[in-house]
PDB file of N, CA and C in Angstrom:
ATOM      1  N   UNK A   1      -2.556  19.450  -0.447  1.00  0.00           N
ATOM      2  CA  UNK A   1      -2.752  18.014  -0.321  1.00  0.00           C
ATOM      3  C   UNK A   1      -2.378  17.348  -1.649  1.00  0.00           C
ATOM      4  N   UNK A   2      -1.755  16.211  -1.527  1.00  0.00           N
ATOM      5  CA  UNK A   2      -1.370  15.434  -2.707  1.00  0.00           C
ATOM      6  C   UNK A   2      -2.120  14.106  -2.694  1.00  0.00           C
ATOM      7  N   UNK A   3      -2.334  13.555  -3.863  1.00  0.00           N
ATOM      8  CA  UNK A   3      -3.019  12.275  -3.979  1.00  0.00           C
ATOM      9  C   UNK A   3      -1.991  11.150  -4.021  1.00  0.00           C
ATOM     10  N   UNK A   4      -2.260  10.114  -3.249  1.00  0.00           N
ATOM     11  CA  UNK A   4      -1.416   8.921  -3.202  1.00  0.00           C
ATOM     12  C   UNK A   4      -2.294   7.715  -3.504  1.00  0.00           C
ATOM     13  N   UNK A   5      -1.691   6.714  -4.132  1.00  0.00           N
ATOM     14  CA  UNK A   5      -2.397   5.513  -4.542  1.00  0.00           C
ATOM     15  C   UNK A   5      -1.818   4.327  -3.796  1.00  0.00           C
ATOM     16  N   UNK A   6      -2.679   3.352  -3.506  1.00  0.00           N
ATOM     17  CA  UNK A   6      -2.294   2.205  -2.695  1.00  0.00           C
ATOM     18  C   UNK A   6      -2.600   0.928  -3.457  1.00  0.00           C
ATOM     19  N   UNK A   7      -1.611   0.456  -4.207  1.00  0.00           N
ATOM     20  CA  UNK A   7      -1.754  -0.765  -4.993  1.00  0.00           C
ATOM     21  C   UNK A   7      -1.414  -1.963  -4.113  1.00  0.00           C
ATOM     22  N   UNK A   8      -1.984  -3.120  -4.433  1.00  0.00           N
ATOM     23  CA  UNK A   8      -1.534  -4.358  -3.817  1.00  0.00           C
ATOM     24  C   UNK A   8      -0.872  -5.183  -4.907  1.00  0.00           C
ATOM     25  N   UNK A   9       0.215  -5.832  -4.529  1.00  0.00           N
ATOM     26  CA  UNK A   9       0.958  -6.625  -5.511  1.00  0.00           C
ATOM     27  C   UNK A   9       1.309  -7.971  -4.917  1.00  0.00           C
ATOM     28  N   UNK A  10       1.095  -9.001  -5.709  1.00  0.00           N
ATOM     29  CA  UNK A  10       1.543 -10.359  -5.366  1.00  0.00           C
ATOM     30  C   UNK A  10       1.724 -11.129  -6.666  1.00  0.00           C
ATOM     31  N   UNK A  11       2.523 -10.575  -7.535  1.00  0.00           N
ATOM     32  CA  UNK A  11       2.708 -11.126  -8.870  1.00  0.00           C
ATOM     33  C   UNK A  11       1.882 -10.345  -9.873  1.00  0.00           C
ATOM     34  N   UNK A  12       0.587 -10.218  -9.615  1.00  0.00           N
ATOM     35  CA  UNK A  12      -0.305  -9.439 -10.469  1.00  0.00           C
ATOM     36  C   UNK A  12      -0.775  -8.234  -9.653  1.00  0.00           C
ATOM     37  N   UNK A  13      -0.465  -7.010 -10.095  1.00  0.00           N
ATOM     38  CA  UNK A  13      -0.863  -5.844  -9.312  1.00  0.00           C
ATOM     39  C   UNK A  13      -2.362  -5.561  -9.379  1.00  0.00           C
ATOM     40  N   UNK A  14      -2.895  -5.091  -8.270  1.00  0.00           N
ATOM     41  CA  UNK A  14      -4.270  -4.581  -8.222  1.00  0.00           C
ATOM     42  C   UNK A  14      -4.124  -3.082  -8.060  1.00  0.00           C
ATOM     43  N   UNK A  15      -4.525  -2.340  -9.076  1.00  0.00           N
ATOM     44  CA  UNK A  15      -4.320  -0.891  -9.122  1.00  0.00           C
ATOM     45  C   UNK A  15      -5.414  -0.128  -8.390  1.00  0.00           C
ATOM     46  N   UNK A  16      -4.979   0.842  -7.610  1.00  0.00           N
ATOM     47  CA  UNK A  16      -5.878   1.793  -6.973  1.00  0.00           C
ATOM     48  C   UNK A  16      -6.069   2.925  -7.966  1.00  0.00           C
ATOM     49  N   UNK A  17      -7.248   3.075  -8.502  1.00  0.00           N
ATOM     50  CA  UNK A  17      -7.513   4.101  -9.520  1.00  0.00           C
ATOM     51  C   UNK A  17      -8.033   5.411  -8.921  1.00  0.00           C
ATOM     52  N   UNK A  18      -8.405   5.394  -7.641  1.00  0.00           N
ATOM     53  CA  UNK A  18      -9.011   6.578  -7.029  1.00  0.00           C
ATOM     54  C   UNK A  18      -7.998   7.353  -6.190  1.00  0.00           C
ATOM     55  N   UNK A  19      -7.286   6.667  -5.314  1.00  0.00           N
ATOM     56  CA  UNK A  19      -6.317   7.319  -4.451  1.00  0.00           C
ATOM     57  C   UNK A  19      -6.958   8.055  -3.296  1.00  0.00           C
ATOM     58  N   UNK A  20      -6.101   8.542  -2.407  1.00  0.00           N
ATOM     59  CA  UNK A  20      -6.521   9.325  -1.244  1.00  0.00           C
ATOM     60  C   UNK A  20      -5.582  10.505  -1.103  1.00  0.00           C
ATOM     61  N   UNK A  21      -6.090  11.584  -0.549  1.00  0.00           N
ATOM     62  CA  UNK A  21      -5.262  12.772  -0.356  1.00  0.00           C
ATOM     63  C   UNK A  21      -4.648  12.772   1.040  1.00  0.00           C
ATOM     64  N   UNK A  22      -3.363  13.112   1.087  1.00  0.00           N
ATOM     65  CA  UNK A  22      -2.632  13.250   2.339  1.00  0.00           C
ATOM     66  C   UNK A  22      -1.771  14.496   2.259  1.00  0.00           C
ATOM     67  N   UNK A  23      -1.445  15.053   3.412  1.00  0.00           N
ATOM     68  CA  UNK A  23      -0.634  16.269   3.474  1.00  0.00           C
ATOM     69  C   UNK A  23       0.796  16.027   3.015  1.00  0.00           C
ATOM     70  N   UNK A  24       1.292  14.804   3.244  1.00  0.00           N
ATOM     71  CA  UNK A  24       2.682  14.509   2.873  1.00  0.00           C
ATOM     72  C   UNK A  24       2.881  13.005   2.708  1.00  0.00           C
ATOM     73  N   UNK A  25       4.060  12.651   2.229  1.00  0.00           N
ATOM     74  CA  UNK A  25       4.381  11.243   1.971  1.00  0.00           C
ATOM     75  C   UNK A  25       4.378  10.422   3.251  1.00  0.00           C
ATOM     76  N   UNK A  26       4.836  10.996   4.348  1.00  0.00           N
ATOM     77  CA  UNK A  26       4.886  10.257   5.614  1.00  0.00           C
ATOM     78  C   UNK A  26       3.493   9.802   6.041  1.00  0.00           C
ATOM     79  N   UNK A  27       2.498  10.667   5.879  1.00  0.00           N
ATOM     80  CA  UNK A  27       1.126  10.307   6.238  1.00  0.00           C
ATOM     81  C   UNK A  27       0.599   9.205   5.314  1.00  0.00           C
ATOM     82  N   UNK A  28       0.934   9.270   4.044  1.00  0.00           N
ATOM     83  CA  UNK A  28       0.509   8.246   3.090  1.00  0.00           C
ATOM     84  C   UNK A  28       1.169   6.905   3.415  1.00  0.00           C
ATOM     85  N   UNK A  29       2.439   6.929   3.785  1.00  0.00           N
ATOM     86  CA  UNK A  29       3.150   5.699   4.146  1.00  0.00           C
ATOM     87  C   UNK A  29       2.530   5.086   5.393  1.00  0.00           C
ATOM     88  N   UNK A  30       2.197   5.904   6.367  1.00  0.00           N
ATOM     89  CA  UNK A  30       1.538   5.405   7.576  1.00  0.00           C
ATOM     90  C   UNK A  30       0.229   4.715   7.211  1.00  0.00           C
ATOM     91  N   UNK A  31      -0.533   5.313   6.306  1.00  0.00           N
ATOM     92  CA  UNK A  31      -1.787   4.705   5.862  1.00  0.00           C
ATOM     93  C   UNK A  31      -1.519   3.355   5.175  1.00  0.00           C
ATOM     94  N   UNK A  32      -0.484   3.278   4.341  1.00  0.00           N
ATOM     95  CA  UNK A  32      -0.131   2.028   3.679  1.00  0.00           C
ATOM     96  C   UNK A  32       0.218   0.936   4.678  1.00  0.00           C
ATOM     97  N   UNK A  33       0.931   1.288   5.733  1.00  0.00           N
ATOM     98  CA  UNK A  33       1.270   0.321   6.785  1.00  0.00           C
ATOM     99  C   UNK A  33       0.017  -0.144   7.509  1.00  0.00           C
ATOM    100  N   UNK A  34      -0.906   0.774   7.761  1.00  0.00           N
ATOM    101  CA  UNK A  34      -2.163   0.409   8.415  1.00  0.00           C
ATOM    102  C   UNK A  34      -2.992  -0.511   7.532  1.00  0.00           C
ATOM    103  N   UNK A  35      -2.992  -0.246   6.226  1.00  0.00           N
ATOM    104  CA  UNK A  35      -3.710  -1.115   5.285  1.00  0.00           C
ATOM    105  C   UNK A  35      -3.164  -2.532   5.337  1.00  0.00           C
ATOM    106  N   UNK A  36      -1.831  -2.655   5.316  1.00  0.00           N
ATOM    107  CA  UNK A  36      -1.204  -3.974   5.365  1.00  0.00           C
ATOM    108  C   UNK A  36      -1.596  -4.701   6.647  1.00  0.00           C
ATOM    109  N   UNK A  37      -1.585  -3.986   7.765  1.00  0.00           N
ATOM    110  CA  UNK A  37      -1.971  -4.593   9.036  1.00  0.00           C
ATOM    111  C   UNK A  37      -3.421  -5.038   9.050  1.00  0.00           C
ATOM    112  N   UNK A  38      -4.304  -4.227   8.475  1.00  0.00           N
ATOM    113  CA  UNK A  38      -5.727  -4.564   8.417  1.00  0.00           C
ATOM    114  C   UNK A  38      -5.946  -5.808   7.555  1.00  0.00           C
ATOM    115  N   UNK A  39      -5.291  -5.889   6.413  1.00  0.00           N
ATOM    116  CA  UNK A  39      -5.415  -7.069   5.546  1.00  0.00           C
ATOM    117  C   UNK A  39      -4.908  -8.299   6.277  1.00  0.00           C
ATOM    118  N   UNK A  40      -3.783  -8.169   6.977  1.00  0.00           N
ATOM    119  CA  UNK A  40      -3.188  -9.286   7.723  1.00  0.00           C
ATOM    120  C   UNK A  40      -4.150  -9.772   8.818  1.00  0.00           C
ATOM    121  N   UNK A  41      -4.800  -8.850   9.525  1.00  0.00           N
ATOM    122  CA  UNK A  41      -5.742  -9.243  10.584  1.00  0.00           C
ATOM    123  C   UNK A  41      -6.976  -9.938  10.008  1.00  0.00           C
ATOM    124  N   UNK A  42      -7.463  -9.450   8.867  1.00  0.00           N
ATOM    125  CA  UNK A  42      -8.656 -10.030   8.264  1.00  0.00           C
ATOM    126  C   UNK A  42      -8.389 -11.385   7.627  1.00  0.00           C
ATOM    127  N   UNK A  43      -7.166 -11.588   7.136  1.00  0.00           N
ATOM    128  CA  UNK A  43      -6.752 -12.848   6.501  1.00  0.00           C
ATOM    129  C   UNK A  43      -5.382 -13.213   7.069  1.00  0.00           C
ATOM    130  N   UNK A  44      -5.348 -13.937   8.195  1.00  0.00           N
ATOM    131  CA  UNK A  44      -4.086 -14.162   8.915  1.00  0.00           C
ATOM    132  C   UNK A  44      -2.995 -14.908   8.152  1.00  0.00           C
ATOM    133  N   UNK A  45      -3.331 -15.622   7.101  1.00  0.00           N
ATOM    134  CA  UNK A  45      -2.275 -16.298   6.347  1.00  0.00           C
ATOM    135  C   UNK A  45      -2.374 -15.896   4.886  1.00  0.00           C
ATOM    136  N   UNK A  46      -1.209 -15.853   4.246  1.00  0.00           N
ATOM    137  CA  UNK A  46      -1.206 -15.466   2.841  1.00  0.00           C
ATOM    138  C   UNK A  46       0.188 -15.505   2.250  1.00  0.00           C
ATOM    139  N   UNK A  47       0.290 -15.064   1.036  1.00  0.00           N
ATOM    140  CA  UNK A  47       1.518 -15.079   0.253  1.00  0.00           C
ATOM    141  C   UNK A  47       2.519 -14.055   0.790  1.00  0.00           C
ATOM    142  N   UNK A  48       3.739 -14.513   1.110  1.00  0.00           N
ATOM    143  CA  UNK A  48       4.765 -13.599   1.633  1.00  0.00           C
ATOM    144  C   UNK A  48       5.207 -12.573   0.597  1.00  0.00           C
ATOM    145  N   UNK A  49       4.851 -12.765  -0.657  1.00  0.00           N
ATOM    146  CA  UNK A  49       5.199 -11.804  -1.709  1.00  0.00           C
ATOM    147  C   UNK A  49       4.136 -10.724  -1.892  1.00  0.00           C
ATOM    148  N   UNK A  50       3.100 -10.733  -1.082  1.00  0.00           N
ATOM    149  CA  UNK A  50       2.024  -9.743  -1.215  1.00  0.00           C
ATOM    150  C   UNK A  50       2.394  -8.470  -0.458  1.00  0.00           C
ATOM    151  N   UNK A  51       2.232  -7.328  -1.120  1.00  0.00           N
ATOM    152  CA  UNK A  51       2.613  -6.030  -0.572  1.00  0.00           C
ATOM    153  C   UNK A  51       1.558  -4.976  -0.841  1.00  0.00           C
ATOM    154  N   UNK A  52       1.553  -3.946   0.012  1.00  0.00           N
ATOM    155  CA  UNK A  52       0.841  -2.704  -0.279  1.00  0.00           C
ATOM    156  C   UNK A  52       1.918  -1.745  -0.774  1.00  0.00           C
ATOM    157  N   UNK A  53       1.706  -1.180  -1.952  1.00  0.00           N
ATOM    158  CA  UNK A  53       2.680  -0.283  -2.555  1.00  0.00           C
ATOM    159  C   UNK A  53       2.074   1.114  -2.609  1.00  0.00           C
ATOM    160  N   UNK A  54       2.792   2.090  -2.035  1.00  0.00           N
ATOM    161  CA  UNK A  54       2.324   3.477  -2.017  1.00  0.00           C
ATOM    162  C   UNK A  54       2.946   4.196  -3.214  1.00  0.00           C
ATOM    163  N   UNK A  55       2.092   4.789  -4.037  1.00  0.00           N
ATOM    164  CA  UNK A  55       2.505   5.472  -5.264  1.00  0.00           C
ATOM    165  C   UNK A  55       2.119   6.950  -5.142  1.00  0.00           C
ATOM    166  N   UNK A  56       3.039   7.845  -5.493  1.00  0.00           N
ATOM    167  CA  UNK A  56       2.695   9.272  -5.429  1.00  0.00           C
ATOM    168  C   UNK A  56       2.050   9.744  -6.733  1.00  0.00           C
ATOM    169  N   UNK A  57       1.693  11.025  -6.775  1.00  0.00           N
ATOM    170  CA  UNK A  57       0.996  11.580  -7.943  1.00  0.00           C
ATOM    171  C   UNK A  57       1.763  11.429  -9.244  1.00  0.00           C
ATOM    172  N   UNK A  58       3.085  11.422  -9.161  1.00  0.00           N
ATOM    173  CA  UNK A  58       3.890  11.311 -10.384  1.00  0.00           C
ATOM    174  C   UNK A  58       4.036   9.866 -10.852  1.00  0.00           C
ATOM    175  N   UNK A  59       3.490   8.906 -10.070  1.00  0.00           N
ATOM    176  CA  UNK A  59       3.577   7.500 -10.445  1.00  0.00           C
ATOM    177  C   UNK A  59       4.776   6.798  -9.849  1.00  0.00           C
ATOM    178  N   UNK A  60       5.508   7.483  -8.978  1.00  0.00           N
ATOM    179  CA  UNK A  60       6.704   6.898  -8.364  1.00  0.00           C
ATOM    180  C   UNK A  60       6.336   6.116  -7.109  1.00  0.00           C
ATOM    181  N   UNK A  61       6.889   4.913  -6.986  1.00  0.00           N
ATOM    182  CA  UNK A  61       6.708   4.121  -5.778  1.00  0.00           C
ATOM    183  C   UNK A  61       7.525   4.763  -4.659  1.00  0.00           C
ATOM    184  N   UNK A  62       6.859   5.084  -3.542  1.00  0.00           N
ATOM    185  CA  UNK A  62       7.570   5.713  -2.431  1.00  0.00           C
ATOM    186  C   UNK A  62       7.705   4.792  -1.228  1.00  0.00           C
ATOM    187  N   UNK A  63       6.932   3.703  -1.213  1.00  0.00           N
ATOM    188  CA  UNK A  63       7.030   2.745  -0.096  1.00  0.00           C
ATOM    189  C   UNK A  63       6.405   1.436  -0.506  1.00  0.00           C
ATOM    190  N   UNK A  64       6.947   0.348   0.051  1.00  0.00           N
ATOM    191  CA  UNK A  64       6.421  -1.002  -0.169  1.00  0.00           C
ATOM    192  C   UNK A  64       6.371  -1.681   1.187  1.00  0.00           C
ATOM    193  N   UNK A  65       5.173  -2.088   1.602  1.00  0.00           N
ATOM    194  CA  UNK A  65       4.968  -2.717   2.909  1.00  0.00           C
ATOM    195  C   UNK A  65       4.500  -4.148   2.732  1.00  0.00           C
ATOM    196  N   UNK A  66       5.265  -5.097   3.276  1.00  0.00           N
ATOM    197  CA  UNK A  66       4.882  -6.498   3.196  1.00  0.00           C
ATOM    198  C   UNK A  66       3.632  -6.730   4.038  1.00  0.00           C
ATOM    199  N   UNK A  67       2.669  -7.442   3.483  1.00  0.00           N
ATOM    200  CA  UNK A  67       1.461  -7.769   4.220  1.00  0.00           C
ATOM    201  C   UNK A  67       1.729  -8.968   5.127  1.00  0.00           C
ATOM    202  N   UNK A  68       2.459  -9.926   4.640  1.00  0.00           N
ATOM    203  CA  UNK A  68       2.825 -11.108   5.416  1.00  0.00           C
ATOM    204  C   UNK A  68       4.347 -11.201   5.463  1.00  0.00           C
ATOM    205  N   UNK A  69       4.983 -10.451   6.363  1.00  0.00           N
ATOM    206  CA  UNK A  69       6.456 -10.477   6.409  1.00  0.00           C
ATOM    207  C   UNK A  69       6.966 -11.869   6.760  1.00  0.00           C
ATOM    208  N   UNK A  70       8.076 -12.195   6.194  1.00  0.00           N
ATOM    209  CA  UNK A  70       8.672 -13.535   6.430  1.00  0.00           C
ATOM    210  C   UNK A  70       9.189 -13.667   7.839  1.00  0.00           C
TER     211      UNK A  70
END
């Protein structure tokens, strides 16, 4: 299992310092997409520049999911 981090960004990043373990990057990306959907449902309007960014253990961004797609 590898640890992945889920930052939110909209100009100023909010860093995930704990992370979650997933078997692979695909599972972590799926979780990031679900997070974006959950935020969108809880707050139906927001900044189109806001994203959930999936970061792997090495600090590399592996996916960016828009929370409020244009």
